Amino acid sequence: LSFRSEIDANVFPCFQELSGCRRLMQEISNKPGF
């Protein structure tokens, strides 16, 4: 909801879909340095 209509949705296409944001959040929370 924060990024879907912002320029960052062009830079990072995952922001254009809820499923992409969920995948991104999953990746971030699974990083060794989270």
PDB file of all heavy atoms in Angstrom:
ATOM      1  N   LEU A   1       0.825  -1.216   0.000  1.00  0.00           N
ATOM      2  CA  LEU A   1       0.000   0.000   0.000  1.00  0.00           C
ATOM      3  C   LEU A   1       0.859   1.265   0.000  1.00  0.00           C
ATOM      4  O   LEU A   1       0.433   2.299  -0.499  1.00  0.00           O
ATOM      5  CB  LEU A   1      -0.944  -0.001   1.204  1.00  0.00           C
ATOM      6  CG  LEU A   1      -2.012  -1.102   1.196  1.00  0.00           C
ATOM      7  CD1 LEU A   1      -2.782  -1.120   2.518  1.00  0.00           C
ATOM      8  CD2 LEU A   1      -2.969  -0.934   0.012  1.00  0.00           C
ATOM      9  N   SER A   2       2.070   1.188   0.554  1.00  0.00           N
ATOM     10  CA  SER A   2       2.966   2.341   0.619  1.00  0.00           C
ATOM     11  C   SER A   2       3.656   2.623  -0.710  1.00  0.00           C
ATOM     12  O   SER A   2       3.892   3.781  -1.054  1.00  0.00           O
ATOM     13  CB  SER A   2       4.052   2.112   1.677  1.00  0.00           C
ATOM     14  OG  SER A   2       3.491   1.957   2.951  1.00  0.00           O
ATOM     15  N   PHE A   3       4.020   1.583  -1.443  1.00  0.00           N
ATOM     16  CA  PHE A   3       4.888   1.744  -2.605  1.00  0.00           C
ATOM     17  C   PHE A   3       4.237   1.495  -3.960  1.00  0.00           C
ATOM     18  O   PHE A   3       4.798   1.880  -4.974  1.00  0.00           O
ATOM     19  CB  PHE A   3       6.105   0.817  -2.479  1.00  0.00           C
ATOM     20  CG  PHE A   3       7.031   1.176  -1.358  1.00  0.00           C
ATOM     21  CD1 PHE A   3       7.134   0.365  -0.247  1.00  0.00           C
ATOM     22  CD2 PHE A   3       7.805   2.333  -1.417  1.00  0.00           C
ATOM     23  CE1 PHE A   3       7.992   0.693   0.811  1.00  0.00           C
ATOM     24  CE2 PHE A   3       8.665   2.665  -0.379  1.00  0.00           C
ATOM     25  CZ  PHE A   3       8.760   1.853   0.731  1.00  0.00           C
ATOM     26  N   ARG A   4       3.065   0.875  -4.011  1.00  0.00           N
ATOM     27  CA  ARG A   4       2.482   0.456  -5.302  1.00  0.00           C
ATOM     28  C   ARG A   4       2.282   1.604  -6.283  1.00  0.00           C
ATOM     29  O   ARG A   4       2.382   1.416  -7.478  1.00  0.00           O
ATOM     30  CB  ARG A   4       1.170  -0.292  -5.088  1.00  0.00           C
ATOM     31  CG  ARG A   4       0.066   0.607  -4.551  1.00  0.00           C
ATOM     32  CD  ARG A   4      -1.220  -0.115  -4.337  1.00  0.00           C
ATOM     33  NE  ARG A   4      -2.179   0.787  -3.714  1.00  0.00           N
ATOM     34  CZ  ARG A   4      -3.370   0.426  -3.344  1.00  0.00           C
ATOM     35  NH1 ARG A   4      -3.766  -0.822  -3.526  1.00  0.00           N
ATOM     36  NH2 ARG A   4      -4.191   1.287  -2.784  1.00  0.00           N
ATOM     37  N   SER A   5       2.007   2.818  -5.780  1.00  0.00           N
ATOM     38  CA  SER A   5       1.761   3.960  -6.670  1.00  0.00           C
ATOM     39  C   SER A   5       2.932   4.930  -6.718  1.00  0.00           C
ATOM     40  O   SER A   5       2.816   6.010  -7.267  1.00  0.00           O
ATOM     41  CB  SER A   5       0.516   4.716  -6.198  1.00  0.00           C
ATOM     42  OG  SER A   5      -0.588   3.848  -6.180  1.00  0.00           O
ATOM     43  N   GLU A   6       4.047   4.554  -6.118  1.00  0.00           N
ATOM     44  CA  GLU A   6       5.215   5.433  -6.038  1.00  0.00           C
ATOM     45  C   GLU A   6       6.228   5.059  -7.120  1.00  0.00           C
ATOM     46  O   GLU A   6       6.177   3.976  -7.685  1.00  0.00           O
ATOM     47  CB  GLU A   6       5.867   5.324  -4.655  1.00  0.00           C
ATOM     48  CG  GLU A   6       4.938   5.641  -3.496  1.00  0.00           C
ATOM     49  CD  GLU A   6       4.439   7.080  -3.495  1.00  0.00           C
ATOM     50  OE1 GLU A   6       5.188   7.981  -3.939  1.00  0.00           O
ATOM     51  OE2 GLU A   6       3.306   7.303  -3.057  1.00  0.00           O
ATOM     52  N   ILE A   7       7.185   5.952  -7.350  1.00  0.00           N
ATOM     53  CA  ILE A   7       8.211   5.694  -8.361  1.00  0.00           C
ATOM     54  C   ILE A   7       8.990   4.412  -8.048  1.00  0.00           C
ATOM     55  O   ILE A   7       9.433   3.712  -8.950  1.00  0.00           O
ATOM     56  CB  ILE A   7       9.162   6.899  -8.526  1.00  0.00           C
ATOM     57  CG1 ILE A   7      10.026   6.693  -9.776  1.00  0.00           C
ATOM     58  CG2 ILE A   7       9.985   7.126  -7.267  1.00  0.00           C
ATOM     59  CD1 ILE A   7      10.682   7.952 -10.291  1.00  0.00           C
ATOM     60  N   ASP A   8       9.120   4.076  -6.759  1.00  0.00           N
ATOM     61  CA  ASP A   8       9.873   2.869  -6.405  1.00  0.00           C
ATOM     62  C   ASP A   8       9.232   1.594  -6.954  1.00  0.00           C
ATOM     63  O   ASP A   8       9.902   0.577  -7.092  1.00  0.00           O
ATOM     64  CB  ASP A   8      10.058   2.769  -4.888  1.00  0.00           C
ATOM     65  CG  ASP A   8      11.108   3.751  -4.379  1.00  0.00           C
ATOM     66  OD1 ASP A   8      11.794   4.384  -5.218  1.00  0.00           O
ATOM     67  OD2 ASP A   8      11.257   3.886  -3.158  1.00  0.00           O
ATOM     68  N   ALA A   9       7.945   1.636  -7.286  1.00  0.00           N
ATOM     69  CA  ALA A   9       7.309   0.463  -7.902  1.00  0.00           C
ATOM     70  C   ALA A   9       7.844   0.241  -9.319  1.00  0.00           C
ATOM     71  O   ALA A   9       7.787  -0.879  -9.832  1.00  0.00           O
ATOM     72  CB  ALA A   9       5.792   0.617  -7.916  1.00  0.00           C
ATOM     73  N   ASN A  10       8.381   1.295  -9.952  1.00  0.00           N
ATOM     74  CA  ASN A  10       9.045   1.131 -11.250  1.00  0.00           C
ATOM     75  C   ASN A  10      10.450   0.582 -11.062  1.00  0.00           C
ATOM     76  O   ASN A  10      10.929  -0.217 -11.860  1.00  0.00           O
ATOM     77  CB  ASN A  10       9.131   2.476 -11.989  1.00  0.00           C
ATOM     78  CG  ASN A  10       7.782   2.941 -12.465  1.00  0.00           C
ATOM     79  OD1 ASN A  10       6.985   2.150 -12.960  1.00  0.00           O
ATOM     80  ND2 ASN A  10       7.515   4.219 -12.295  1.00  0.00           N
ATOM     81  N   VAL A  11      11.113   1.026  -9.998  1.00  0.00           N
ATOM     82  CA  VAL A  11      12.477   0.592  -9.733  1.00  0.00           C
ATOM     83  C   VAL A  11      12.484  -0.862  -9.256  1.00  0.00           C
ATOM     84  O   VAL A  11      13.344  -1.650  -9.628  1.00  0.00           O
ATOM     85  CB  VAL A  11      13.142   1.510  -8.683  1.00  0.00           C
ATOM     86  CG1 VAL A  11      14.597   1.109  -8.455  1.00  0.00           C
ATOM     87  CG2 VAL A  11      13.068   2.977  -9.112  1.00  0.00           C
ATOM     88  N   PHE A  12      11.510  -1.189  -8.409  1.00  0.00           N
ATOM     89  CA  PHE A  12      11.397  -2.537  -7.837  1.00  0.00           C
ATOM     90  C   PHE A  12       9.994  -3.071  -8.132  1.00  0.00           C
ATOM     91  O   PHE A  12       9.060  -2.839  -7.369  1.00  0.00           O
ATOM     92  CB  PHE A  12      11.638  -2.509  -6.322  1.00  0.00           C
ATOM     93  CG  PHE A  12      12.973  -1.925  -5.952  1.00  0.00           C
ATOM     94  CD1 PHE A  12      13.081  -0.622  -5.493  1.00  0.00           C
ATOM     95  CD2 PHE A  12      14.135  -2.681  -6.085  1.00  0.00           C
ATOM     96  CE1 PHE A  12      14.314  -0.074  -5.161  1.00  0.00           C
ATOM     97  CE2 PHE A  12      15.372  -2.141  -5.766  1.00  0.00           C
ATOM     98  CZ  PHE A  12      15.462  -0.836  -5.304  1.00  0.00           C
ATOM     99  N   PRO A  13       9.839  -3.799  -9.253  1.00  0.00           N
ATOM    100  CA  PRO A  13       8.504  -4.259  -9.668  1.00  0.00           C
ATOM    101  C   PRO A  13       7.768  -5.110  -8.626  1.00  0.00           C
ATOM    102  O   PRO A  13       6.549  -5.168  -8.658  1.00  0.00           O
ATOM    103  CB  PRO A  13       8.795  -5.070 -10.936  1.00  0.00           C
ATOM    104  CG  PRO A  13      10.084  -4.515 -11.453  1.00  0.00           C
ATOM    105  CD  PRO A  13      10.869  -4.119 -10.239  1.00  0.00           C
ATOM    106  N   CYS A  14       8.479  -5.712  -7.677  1.00  0.00           N
ATOM    107  CA  CYS A  14       7.799  -6.518  -6.656  1.00  0.00           C
ATOM    108  C   CYS A  14       6.802  -5.678  -5.853  1.00  0.00           C
ATOM    109  O   CYS A  14       5.826  -6.199  -5.319  1.00  0.00           O
ATOM    110  CB  CYS A  14       8.800  -7.195  -5.720  1.00  0.00           C
ATOM    111  SG  CYS A  14       9.822  -6.046  -4.783  1.00  0.00           S
ATOM    112  N   PHE A  15       7.022  -4.337  -5.788  1.00  0.00           N
ATOM    113  CA  PHE A  15       6.113  -3.456  -5.042  1.00  0.00           C
ATOM    114  C   PHE A  15       4.753  -3.311  -5.724  1.00  0.00           C
ATOM    115  O   PHE A  15       3.816  -2.816  -5.131  1.00  0.00           O
ATOM    116  CB  PHE A  15       6.714  -2.052  -4.879  1.00  0.00           C
ATOM    117  CG  PHE A  15       7.853  -1.956  -3.904  1.00  0.00           C
ATOM    118  CD1 PHE A  15       8.878  -1.054  -4.123  1.00  0.00           C
ATOM    119  CD2 PHE A  15       7.903  -2.741  -2.762  1.00  0.00           C
ATOM    120  CE1 PHE A  15       9.928  -0.930  -3.224  1.00  0.00           C
ATOM    121  CE2 PHE A  15       8.949  -2.629  -1.865  1.00  0.00           C
ATOM    122  CZ  PHE A  15       9.971  -1.725  -2.096  1.00  0.00           C
ATOM    123  N   GLN A  16       4.647  -3.736  -6.988  1.00  0.00           N
ATOM    124  CA  GLN A  16       3.399  -3.567  -7.737  1.00  0.00           C
ATOM    125  C   GLN A  16       2.347  -4.600  -7.380  1.00  0.00           C
ATOM    126  O   GLN A  16       1.195  -4.459  -7.774  1.00  0.00           O
ATOM    127  CB  GLN A  16       3.681  -3.618  -9.239  1.00  0.00           C
ATOM    128  CG  GLN A  16       4.560  -2.482  -9.711  1.00  0.00           C
ATOM    129  CD  GLN A  16       5.010  -2.655 -11.155  1.00  0.00           C
ATOM    130  OE1 GLN A  16       4.456  -3.449 -11.905  1.00  0.00           O
ATOM    131  NE2 GLN A  16       6.025  -1.900 -11.549  1.00  0.00           N
ATOM    132  N   GLU A  17       2.729  -5.645  -6.645  1.00  0.00           N
ATOM    133  CA  GLU A  17       1.780  -6.711  -6.305  1.00  0.00           C
ATOM    134  C   GLU A  17       1.959  -7.114  -4.852  1.00  0.00           C
ATOM    135  O   GLU A  17       3.082  -7.180  -4.346  1.00  0.00           O
ATOM    136  CB  GLU A  17       2.033  -7.949  -7.178  1.00  0.00           C
ATOM    137  CG  GLU A  17       1.826  -7.708  -8.650  1.00  0.00           C
ATOM    138  CD  GLU A  17       2.166  -8.937  -9.476  1.00  0.00           C
ATOM    139  OE1 GLU A  17       2.510  -9.992  -8.907  1.00  0.00           O
ATOM    140  OE2 GLU A  17       2.079  -8.828 -10.710  1.00  0.00           O
ATOM    141  N   LEU A  18       0.848  -7.406  -4.207  1.00  0.00           N
ATOM    142  CA  LEU A  18       0.890  -7.844  -2.819  1.00  0.00           C
ATOM    143  C   LEU A  18       1.750  -9.106  -2.681  1.00  0.00           C
ATOM    144  O   LEU A  18       2.548  -9.222  -1.757  1.00  0.00           O
ATOM    145  CB  LEU A  18      -0.533  -8.097  -2.293  1.00  0.00           C
ATOM    146  CG  LEU A  18      -0.646  -8.513  -0.838  1.00  0.00           C
ATOM    147  CD1 LEU A  18       0.026  -7.512   0.105  1.00  0.00           C
ATOM    148  CD2 LEU A  18      -2.116  -8.691  -0.454  1.00  0.00           C
ATOM    149  N   SER A  19       1.625 -10.033  -3.638  1.00  0.00           N
ATOM    150  CA  SER A  19       2.412 -11.271  -3.568  1.00  0.00           C
ATOM    151  C   SER A  19       3.909 -10.970  -3.666  1.00  0.00           C
ATOM    152  O   SER A  19       4.728 -11.626  -3.008  1.00  0.00           O
ATOM    153  CB  SER A  19       1.995 -12.254  -4.664  1.00  0.00           C
ATOM    154  OG  SER A  19       2.204 -11.680  -5.942  1.00  0.00           O
ATOM    155  N   GLY A  20       4.283  -9.968  -4.472  1.00  0.00           N
ATOM    156  CA  GLY A  20       5.686  -9.574  -4.581  1.00  0.00           C
ATOM    157  C   GLY A  20       6.199  -8.987  -3.276  1.00  0.00           C
ATOM    158  O   GLY A  20       7.332  -9.256  -2.862  1.00  0.00           O
ATOM    159  N   CYS A  21       5.358  -8.208  -2.609  1.00  0.00           N
ATOM    160  CA  CYS A  21       5.752  -7.621  -1.318  1.00  0.00           C
ATOM    161  C   CYS A  21       5.873  -8.708  -0.248  1.00  0.00           C
ATOM    162  O   CYS A  21       6.744  -8.643   0.615  1.00  0.00           O
ATOM    163  CB  CYS A  21       4.743  -6.554  -0.899  1.00  0.00           C
ATOM    164  SG  CYS A  21       4.836  -5.067  -1.930  1.00  0.00           S
ATOM    165  N   ARG A  22       5.013  -9.717  -0.331  1.00  0.00           N
ATOM    166  CA  ARG A  22       5.094 -10.815   0.632  1.00  0.00           C
ATOM    167  C   ARG A  22       6.394 -11.604   0.419  1.00  0.00           C
ATOM    168  O   ARG A  22       7.078 -11.950   1.375  1.00  0.00           O
ATOM    169  CB  ARG A  22       3.882 -11.738   0.496  1.00  0.00           C
ATOM    170  CG  ARG A  22       3.838 -12.758   1.618  1.00  0.00           C
ATOM    171  CD  ARG A  22       2.564 -13.587   1.634  1.00  0.00           C
ATOM    172  NE  ARG A  22       2.414 -14.234   2.912  1.00  0.00           N
ATOM    173  CZ  ARG A  22       3.265 -15.120   3.416  1.00  0.00           C
ATOM    174  NH1 ARG A  22       4.362 -15.458   2.763  1.00  0.00           N
ATOM    175  NH2 ARG A  22       3.052 -15.678   4.593  1.00  0.00           N
ATOM    176  N   ARG A  23       6.722 -11.871  -0.858  1.00  0.00           N
ATOM    177  CA  ARG A  23       7.985 -12.575  -1.165  1.00  0.00           C
ATOM    178  C   ARG A  23       9.174 -11.764  -0.657  1.00  0.00           C
ATOM    179  O   ARG A  23      10.096 -12.313  -0.058  1.00  0.00           O
ATOM    180  CB  ARG A  23       8.133 -12.794  -2.676  1.00  0.00           C
ATOM    181  CG  ARG A  23       7.668 -14.137  -3.164  1.00  0.00           C
ATOM    182  CD  ARG A  23       8.086 -14.423  -4.610  1.00  0.00           C
ATOM    183  NE  ARG A  23       8.059 -13.286  -5.519  1.00  0.00           N
ATOM    184  CZ  ARG A  23       6.969 -12.835  -6.144  1.00  0.00           C
ATOM    185  NH1 ARG A  23       5.808 -13.434  -5.970  1.00  0.00           N
ATOM    186  NH2 ARG A  23       7.036 -11.795  -6.965  1.00  0.00           N
ATOM    187  N   LEU A  24       9.158 -10.449  -0.902  1.00  0.00           N
ATOM    188  CA  LEU A  24      10.247  -9.581  -0.462  1.00  0.00           C
ATOM    189  C   LEU A  24      10.360  -9.606   1.061  1.00  0.00           C
ATOM    190  O   LEU A  24      11.463  -9.723   1.608  1.00  0.00           O
ATOM    191  CB  LEU A  24      10.017  -8.150  -0.959  1.00  0.00           C
ATOM    192  CG  LEU A  24      11.060  -7.117  -0.533  1.00  0.00           C
ATOM    193  CD1 LEU A  24      12.453  -7.489  -1.028  1.00  0.00           C
ATOM    194  CD2 LEU A  24      10.657  -5.730  -1.032  1.00  0.00           C
ATOM    195  N   MET A  25       9.241  -9.518   1.760  1.00  0.00           N
ATOM    196  CA  MET A  25       9.259  -9.526   3.226  1.00  0.00           C
ATOM    197  C   MET A  25       9.784 -10.862   3.744  1.00  0.00           C
ATOM    198  O   MET A  25      10.545 -10.907   4.711  1.00  0.00           O
ATOM    199  CB  MET A  25       7.839  -9.242   3.745  1.00  0.00           C
ATOM    200  CG  MET A  25       7.771  -8.802   5.170  1.00  0.00           C
ATOM    201  SD  MET A  25       8.735  -7.321   5.522  1.00  0.00           S
ATOM    202  CE  MET A  25       9.383  -7.804   7.114  1.00  0.00           C
ATOM    203  N   GLN A  26       9.409 -11.946   3.075  1.00  0.00           N
ATOM    204  CA  GLN A  26       9.899 -13.285   3.446  1.00  0.00           C
ATOM    205  C   GLN A  26      11.421 -13.337   3.257  1.00  0.00           C
ATOM    206  O   GLN A  26      12.139 -13.833   4.134  1.00  0.00           O
ATOM    207  CB  GLN A  26       9.225 -14.331   2.552  1.00  0.00           C
ATOM    208  CG  GLN A  26       9.395 -15.749   3.025  1.00  0.00           C
ATOM    209  CD  GLN A  26       8.406 -16.088   4.129  1.00  0.00           C
ATOM    210  OE1 GLN A  26       7.209 -15.932   3.972  1.00  0.00           O
ATOM    211  NE2 GLN A  26       8.917 -16.536   5.251  1.00  0.00           N
ATOM    212  N   GLU A  27      11.915 -12.819   2.120  1.00  0.00           N
ATOM    213  CA  GLU A  27      13.364 -12.811   1.853  1.00  0.00           C
ATOM    214  C   GLU A  27      14.111 -12.010   2.911  1.00  0.00           C
ATOM    215  O   GLU A  27      15.139 -12.445   3.424  1.00  0.00           O
ATOM    216  CB  GLU A  27      13.654 -12.206   0.478  1.00  0.00           C
ATOM    217  CG  GLU A  27      13.325 -13.102  -0.685  1.00  0.00           C
ATOM    218  CD  GLU A  27      13.428 -12.369  -2.026  1.00  0.00           C
ATOM    219  OE1 GLU A  27      14.106 -11.316  -2.101  1.00  0.00           O
ATOM    220  OE2 GLU A  27      12.812 -12.860  -2.999  1.00  0.00           O
ATOM    221  N   ILE A  28      13.592 -10.815   3.232  1.00  0.00           N
ATOM    222  CA  ILE A  28      14.251  -9.960   4.223  1.00  0.00           C
ATOM    223  C   ILE A  28      14.314 -10.670   5.571  1.00  0.00           C
ATOM    224  O   ILE A  28      15.364 -10.733   6.204  1.00  0.00           O
ATOM    225  CB  ILE A  28      13.514  -8.597   4.355  1.00  0.00           C
ATOM    226  CG1 ILE A  28      13.710  -7.766   3.080  1.00  0.00           C
ATOM    227  CG2 ILE A  28      13.998  -7.834   5.595  1.00  0.00           C
ATOM    228  CD1 ILE A  28      12.803  -6.537   2.993  1.00  0.00           C
ATOM    229  N   SER A  29      13.187 -11.235   6.007  1.00  0.00           N
ATOM    230  CA  SER A  29      13.145 -11.860   7.341  1.00  0.00           C
ATOM    231  C   SER A  29      13.954 -13.149   7.409  1.00  0.00           C
ATOM    232  O   SER A  29      14.284 -13.606   8.500  1.00  0.00           O
ATOM    233  CB  SER A  29      11.701 -12.105   7.789  1.00  0.00           C
ATOM    234  OG  SER A  29      11.069 -13.061   6.964  1.00  0.00           O
ATOM    235  N   ASN A  30      14.289 -13.735   6.250  1.00  0.00           N
ATOM    236  CA  ASN A  30      15.097 -14.963   6.233  1.00  0.00           C
ATOM    237  C   ASN A  30      16.586 -14.696   6.037  1.00  0.00           C
ATOM    238  O   ASN A  30      17.385 -15.630   6.060  1.00  0.00           O
ATOM    239  CB  ASN A  30      14.612 -15.906   5.126  1.00  0.00           C
ATOM    240  CG  ASN A  30      13.304 -16.569   5.485  1.00  0.00           C
ATOM    241  OD1 ASN A  30      12.994 -16.756   6.663  1.00  0.00           O
ATOM    242  ND2 ASN A  30      12.516 -16.912   4.489  1.00  0.00           N
ATOM    243  N   LYS A  31      16.968 -13.437   5.815  1.00  0.00           N
ATOM    244  CA  LYS A  31      18.395 -13.132   5.619  1.00  0.00           C
ATOM    245  C   LYS A  31      19.155 -13.428   6.909  1.00  0.00           C
ATOM    246  O   LYS A  31      18.645 -13.194   8.002  1.00  0.00           O
ATOM    247  CB  LYS A  31      18.585 -11.660   5.233  1.00  0.00           C
ATOM    248  CG  LYS A  31      18.185 -11.365   3.816  1.00  0.00           C
ATOM    249  CD  LYS A  31      18.493  -9.942   3.433  1.00  0.00           C
ATOM    250  CE  LYS A  31      17.978  -9.719   2.022  1.00  0.00           C
ATOM    251  NZ  LYS A  31      18.729  -8.755   1.284  1.00  0.00           N
ATOM    252  N   PRO A  32      20.408 -13.898   6.776  1.00  0.00           N
ATOM    253  CA  PRO A  32      21.208 -14.194   7.974  1.00  0.00           C
ATOM    254  C   PRO A  32      21.375 -12.971   8.883  1.00  0.00           C
ATOM    255  O   PRO A  32      21.423 -13.103  10.096  1.00  0.00           O
ATOM    256  CB  PRO A  32      22.557 -14.644   7.421  1.00  0.00           C
ATOM    257  CG  PRO A  32      22.322 -14.968   5.984  1.00  0.00           C
ATOM    258  CD  PRO A  32      21.109 -14.213   5.535  1.00  0.00           C
ATOM    259  N   GLY A  33      21.432 -11.766   8.304  1.00  0.00           N
ATOM    260  CA  GLY A  33      21.640 -10.564   9.104  1.00  0.00           C
ATOM    261  C   GLY A  33      20.362  -9.853   9.529  1.00  0.00           C
ATOM    262  O   GLY A  33      20.413  -8.725  10.035  1.00  0.00           O
ATOM    263  N   PHE A  34      19.191 -10.488   9.339  1.00  0.00           N
ATOM    264  CA  PHE A  34      17.931  -9.837   9.700  1.00  0.00           C
ATOM    265  C   PHE A  34      17.949  -9.417  11.164  1.00  0.00           C
ATOM    266  O   PHE A  34      18.332 -10.186  12.038  1.00  0.00           O
ATOM    267  CB  PHE A  34      16.757 -10.783   9.441  1.00  0.00           C
ATOM    268  CG  PHE A  34      15.423 -10.218   9.854  1.00  0.00           C
ATOM    269  CD1 PHE A  34      14.874  -9.145   9.173  1.00  0.00           C
ATOM    270  CD2 PHE A  34      14.724 -10.761  10.918  1.00  0.00           C
ATOM    271  CE1 PHE A  34      13.640  -8.619   9.549  1.00  0.00           C
ATOM    272  CE2 PHE A  34      13.493 -10.239  11.307  1.00  0.00           C
ATOM    273  CZ  PHE A  34      12.956  -9.164  10.616  1.00  0.00           C
TER     274      PHE A  34
END
